[in-house]
Structure formats: structure tokens, C-alpha cells
Amino acid sequence: MHEMSIALAVIGQVEEAAGRAGDITAVREVRLQVGELAGVVPEALSFSFELACAGTVLEGAELVTDFVPGRARCAPCAHEWAVGMPPLLICPRCDGGTTDLLSGRELRIVGVRWEDGRTPAPTREPISEER
């Protein structure tokens, strides 16, 4: 299961960024783009991420994955199409075999939401049963 090694790499990069930012008390959310052709099972990545975050500044952070569909363009006729899984890399319009993969291999961190020591944590009003 290579999703654990991906989760560890993501956590390492976020921890490094948090260290550079300084005074980060908690990471609340990590947003990833995951391409259809990246070979990643989002549920396995989420499970691995949750396990690997234990004991780090990311403990309890939510992993949000944005699915990126695979798309290709035919070099000879410029037709674009969704490649699907398994990927169709031969042009459905002209049967051309020279294609450019436009999207679908993404695996990148696109956002991190964290709290720092300079911003007070939000407070909440007690519910009526607590008063």
C-alpha cells in the first residue's frame, strides 16, 4: 500500500512548511489534488493519513481530496476527451496515437489550513444545558 508513503510525504512537507511559518499550533485541513491516473486510492490515502498524523502537529487534521479527471488531446486533430480508467489514449475521433495527456496525473498539495499562536482560537457560547 503505497498510500502510506504518500501520506508520510505529505505530512513531512506540511510539517516543514509549518516549521518555516513558525508558531503553528495545529493543522486543521490539508487539501490535495489527486488525478484519476495517479494510481492512488483516496480512501486508502485518507486512512493512512489519519494513522500517520498521530503525534504530529497534523493530528486530527482533515484530508480533503479534489479528484482531477484524466483528459487528453490528439496532436493531429486537436480533439480533447476524458481518458477514463483504464485510460483510452488513442483518439476516439481520428484514431491518432499521438496524444498529449492534459490532466489526471496530479498529486499535489493545494492548500493547508492551520492555527498559529498569534490568532486566538475561536470560542463558542455554551449551550443552554451548560449554563
C-alpha atoms as a PDB file:
ATOM      1  CA  MET A   1       0.000   0.000   0.000  1.00  0.00           C
ATOM      2  CA  HIS A   2       1.947   2.995  -1.282  1.00  0.00           C
ATOM      3  CA  GLU A   3      -0.709   5.381   0.058  1.00  0.00           C
ATOM      4  CA  MET A   4       1.060   5.267   3.443  1.00  0.00           C
ATOM      5  CA  SER A   5       4.311   6.507   1.896  1.00  0.00           C
ATOM      6  CA  ILE A   6       2.360   9.263   0.114  1.00  0.00           C
ATOM      7  CA  ALA A   7       0.662  10.240   3.387  1.00  0.00           C
ATOM      8  CA  LEU A   8       4.033  10.362   5.152  1.00  0.00           C
ATOM      9  CA  ALA A   9       5.480  12.546   2.386  1.00  0.00           C
ATOM     10  CA  VAL A  10       2.520  14.944   2.586  1.00  0.00           C
ATOM     11  CA  ILE A  11       2.812  15.139   6.372  1.00  0.00           C
ATOM     12  CA  GLY A  12       6.549  15.794   6.101  1.00  0.00           C
ATOM     13  CA  GLN A  13       6.022  18.642   3.632  1.00  0.00           C
ATOM     14  CA  VAL A  14       3.278  20.232   5.745  1.00  0.00           C
ATOM     15  CA  GLU A  15       5.382  19.926   8.914  1.00  0.00           C
ATOM     16  CA  GLU A  16       8.283  21.575   7.093  1.00  0.00           C
ATOM     17  CA  ALA A  17       6.059  24.447   5.925  1.00  0.00           C
ATOM     18  CA  ALA A  18       4.609  24.817   9.426  1.00  0.00           C
ATOM     19  CA  GLY A  19       8.132  24.988  10.837  1.00  0.00           C
ATOM     20  CA  ARG A  20       9.073  27.734   8.381  1.00  0.00           C
ATOM     21  CA  ALA A  21       5.875  29.662   9.192  1.00  0.00           C
ATOM     22  CA  GLY A  22       6.659  29.464  12.909  1.00  0.00           C
ATOM     23  CA  ASP A  23       4.315  29.299  15.892  1.00  0.00           C
ATOM     24  CA  ILE A  24       1.875  26.854  14.245  1.00  0.00           C
ATOM     25  CA  THR A  25      -0.162  25.171  16.959  1.00  0.00           C
ATOM     26  CA  ALA A  26      -2.296  22.865  14.818  1.00  0.00           C
ATOM     27  CA  VAL A  27      -3.032  21.897  11.229  1.00  0.00           C
ATOM     28  CA  ARG A  28      -6.766  21.633  10.628  1.00  0.00           C
ATOM     29  CA  GLU A  29      -7.010  20.710   6.936  1.00  0.00           C
ATOM     30  CA  VAL A  30      -4.813  19.555   4.079  1.00  0.00           C
ATOM     31  CA  ARG A  31      -6.244  19.752   0.554  1.00  0.00           C
ATOM     32  CA  LEU A  32      -4.780  17.566  -2.210  1.00  0.00           C
ATOM     33  CA  GLN A  33      -5.425  17.296  -5.912  1.00  0.00           C
ATOM     34  CA  VAL A  34      -5.473  13.609  -6.844  1.00  0.00           C
ATOM     35  CA  GLY A  35      -5.549  12.735 -10.520  1.00  0.00           C
ATOM     36  CA  GLU A  36      -7.569   9.846 -11.865  1.00  0.00           C
ATOM     37  CA  LEU A  37      -4.388   8.354 -13.346  1.00  0.00           C
ATOM     38  CA  ALA A  38      -2.169   8.919 -10.288  1.00  0.00           C
ATOM     39  CA  GLY A  39      -2.668   5.358  -9.060  1.00  0.00           C
ATOM     40  CA  VAL A  40      -3.942   6.466  -5.654  1.00  0.00           C
ATOM     41  CA  VAL A  41      -6.971   5.072  -3.838  1.00  0.00           C
ATOM     42  CA  PRO A  42      -8.387   8.125  -1.998  1.00  0.00           C
ATOM     43  CA  GLU A  43      -9.965   6.050   0.797  1.00  0.00           C
ATOM     44  CA  ALA A  44      -6.667   4.252   1.477  1.00  0.00           C
ATOM     45  CA  LEU A  45      -4.816   7.577   1.426  1.00  0.00           C
ATOM     46  CA  SER A  46      -7.279   9.093   3.884  1.00  0.00           C
ATOM     47  CA  PHE A  47      -6.964   6.095   6.218  1.00  0.00           C
ATOM     48  CA  SER A  48      -3.152   6.187   6.018  1.00  0.00           C
ATOM     49  CA  PHE A  49      -3.109   9.952   6.555  1.00  0.00           C
ATOM     50  CA  GLU A  50      -5.193   9.670   9.722  1.00  0.00           C
ATOM     51  CA  LEU A  51      -2.880   6.997  11.147  1.00  0.00           C
ATOM     52  CA  ALA A  52       0.326   8.802  10.200  1.00  0.00           C
ATOM     53  CA  CYS A  53      -0.797  12.138  11.688  1.00  0.00           C
ATOM     54  CA  ALA A  54      -0.906  10.733  15.231  1.00  0.00           C
ATOM     55  CA  GLY A  55       1.547  12.558  17.479  1.00  0.00           C
ATOM     56  CA  THR A  56       2.262  15.330  14.958  1.00  0.00           C
ATOM     57  CA  VAL A  57       1.033  18.907  14.570  1.00  0.00           C
ATOM     58  CA  LEU A  58      -1.378  17.425  11.991  1.00  0.00           C
ATOM     59  CA  GLU A  59      -3.118  15.130  14.480  1.00  0.00           C
ATOM     60  CA  GLY A  60      -6.864  15.430  13.863  1.00  0.00           C
ATOM     61  CA  ALA A  61      -6.407  17.257  10.543  1.00  0.00           C
ATOM     62  CA  GLU A  62      -8.902  16.585   7.785  1.00  0.00           C
ATOM     63  CA  LEU A  63      -7.587  15.371   4.435  1.00  0.00           C
ATOM     64  CA  VAL A  64      -9.666  16.751   1.563  1.00  0.00           C
ATOM     65  CA  THR A  65      -9.025  15.255  -1.863  1.00  0.00           C
ATOM     66  CA  ASP A  66     -10.080  17.001  -5.042  1.00  0.00           C
ATOM     67  CA  PHE A  67     -10.493  14.485  -7.871  1.00  0.00           C
ATOM     68  CA  VAL A  68      -8.929  15.533 -11.203  1.00  0.00           C
ATOM     69  CA  PRO A  69     -10.251  13.582 -14.198  1.00  0.00           C
ATOM     70  CA  GLY A  70      -7.853  12.383 -16.863  1.00  0.00           C
ATOM     71  CA  ARG A  71      -8.067  14.338 -20.128  1.00  0.00           C
ATOM     72  CA  ALA A  72      -6.080  14.062 -23.340  1.00  0.00           C
ATOM     73  CA  ARG A  73      -5.731  15.955 -26.607  1.00  0.00           C
ATOM     74  CA  CYS A  74      -4.952  14.459 -30.013  1.00  0.00           C
ATOM     75  CA  ALA A  75      -1.945  16.160 -31.616  1.00  0.00           C
ATOM     76  CA  PRO A  76      -3.121  15.663 -35.236  1.00  0.00           C
ATOM     77  CA  CYS A  77      -6.794  16.713 -34.904  1.00  0.00           C
ATOM     78  CA  ALA A  78      -6.798  18.664 -31.566  1.00  0.00           C
ATOM     79  CA  HIS A  79      -9.793  16.699 -30.243  1.00  0.00           C
ATOM     80  CA  GLU A  80      -9.964  16.540 -26.407  1.00  0.00           C
ATOM     81  CA  TRP A  81     -11.585  13.738 -24.416  1.00  0.00           C
ATOM     82  CA  ALA A  82     -11.891  12.179 -20.963  1.00  0.00           C
ATOM     83  CA  VAL A  83      -9.493   9.223 -20.950  1.00  0.00           C
ATOM     84  CA  GLY A  84     -11.252   7.235 -18.196  1.00  0.00           C
ATOM     85  CA  MET A  85      -9.940   4.116 -16.485  1.00  0.00           C
ATOM     86  CA  PRO A  86      -8.373   2.137 -17.969  1.00  0.00           C
ATOM     87  CA  PRO A  87      -7.158   5.134 -19.961  1.00  0.00           C
ATOM     88  CA  LEU A  88      -8.098   5.483 -23.619  1.00  0.00           C
ATOM     89  CA  LEU A  89      -5.063   7.174 -25.159  1.00  0.00           C
ATOM     90  CA  ILE A  90      -5.970   6.695 -28.826  1.00  0.00           C
ATOM     91  CA  CYS A  91      -8.079   9.496 -30.260  1.00  0.00           C
ATOM     92  CA  PRO A  92     -11.727   8.440 -30.475  1.00  0.00           C
ATOM     93  CA  ARG A  93     -12.264  10.840 -33.387  1.00  0.00           C
ATOM     94  CA  CYS A  94      -9.368  10.093 -35.775  1.00  0.00           C
ATOM     95  CA  ASP A  95      -7.662   7.040 -34.186  1.00  0.00           C
ATOM     96  CA  GLY A  96      -4.488   9.114 -33.847  1.00  0.00           C
ATOM     97  CA  GLY A  97      -1.952   7.688 -31.442  1.00  0.00           C
ATOM     98  CA  THR A  98      -0.052  10.904 -30.764  1.00  0.00           C
ATOM     99  CA  THR A  99      -1.775  12.307 -27.703  1.00  0.00           C
ATOM    100  CA  ASP A 100      -0.896  14.799 -25.011  1.00  0.00           C
ATOM    101  CA  LEU A 101      -2.092  13.979 -21.512  1.00  0.00           C
ATOM    102  CA  LEU A 102      -3.571  17.233 -20.209  1.00  0.00           C
ATOM    103  CA  SER A 103      -4.611  16.179 -16.722  1.00  0.00           C
ATOM    104  CA  GLY A 104      -5.095  13.210 -14.456  1.00  0.00           C
ATOM    105  CA  ARG A 105      -1.613  12.573 -13.069  1.00  0.00           C
ATOM    106  CA  GLU A 106      -1.804  15.277 -10.382  1.00  0.00           C
ATOM    107  CA  LEU A 107      -0.822  14.522  -6.826  1.00  0.00           C
ATOM    108  CA  ARG A 108      -0.139  17.831  -5.141  1.00  0.00           C
ATOM    109  CA  ILE A 109      -0.853  19.773  -2.002  1.00  0.00           C
ATOM    110  CA  VAL A 110      -3.003  22.738  -2.987  1.00  0.00           C
ATOM    111  CA  GLY A 111      -3.896  24.111   0.426  1.00  0.00           C
ATOM    112  CA  VAL A 112      -3.283  23.867   4.154  1.00  0.00           C
ATOM    113  CA  ARG A 113      -5.358  25.461   6.889  1.00  0.00           C
ATOM    114  CA  TRP A 114      -3.659  25.842  10.253  1.00  0.00           C
ATOM    115  CA  GLU A 115      -3.788  27.759  13.505  1.00  0.00           C
ATOM    116  CA  ASP A 116      -0.938  29.778  14.884  1.00  0.00           C
ATOM    117  CA  GLY A 117      -0.167  31.183  18.325  1.00  0.00           C
ATOM    118  CA  ARG A 118      -0.851  34.737  17.097  1.00  0.00           C
ATOM    119  CA  THR A 119      -4.520  34.113  16.307  1.00  0.00           C
ATOM    120  CA  PRO A 120      -6.716  33.227  19.279  1.00  0.00           C
ATOM    121  CA  ALA A 121      -8.689  30.031  18.879  1.00  0.00           C
ATOM    122  CA  PRO A 122     -12.387  30.597  18.247  1.00  0.00           C
ATOM    123  CA  THR A 123     -14.584  30.419  21.298  1.00  0.00           C
ATOM    124  CA  ARG A 124     -18.106  29.151  21.449  1.00  0.00           C
ATOM    125  CA  GLU A 125     -21.082  30.119  23.509  1.00  0.00           C
ATOM    126  CA  PRO A 126     -22.172  27.420  25.972  1.00  0.00           C
ATOM    127  CA  ILE A 127     -25.359  25.621  25.009  1.00  0.00           C
ATOM    128  CA  SER A 128     -28.363  26.103  27.295  1.00  0.00           C
ATOM    129  CA  GLU A 129     -27.799  22.819  29.176  1.00  0.00           C
ATOM    130  CA  GLU A 130     -24.324  24.000  30.220  1.00  0.00           C
ATOM    131  CA  ARG A 131     -25.477  27.255  31.859  1.00  0.00           C
END
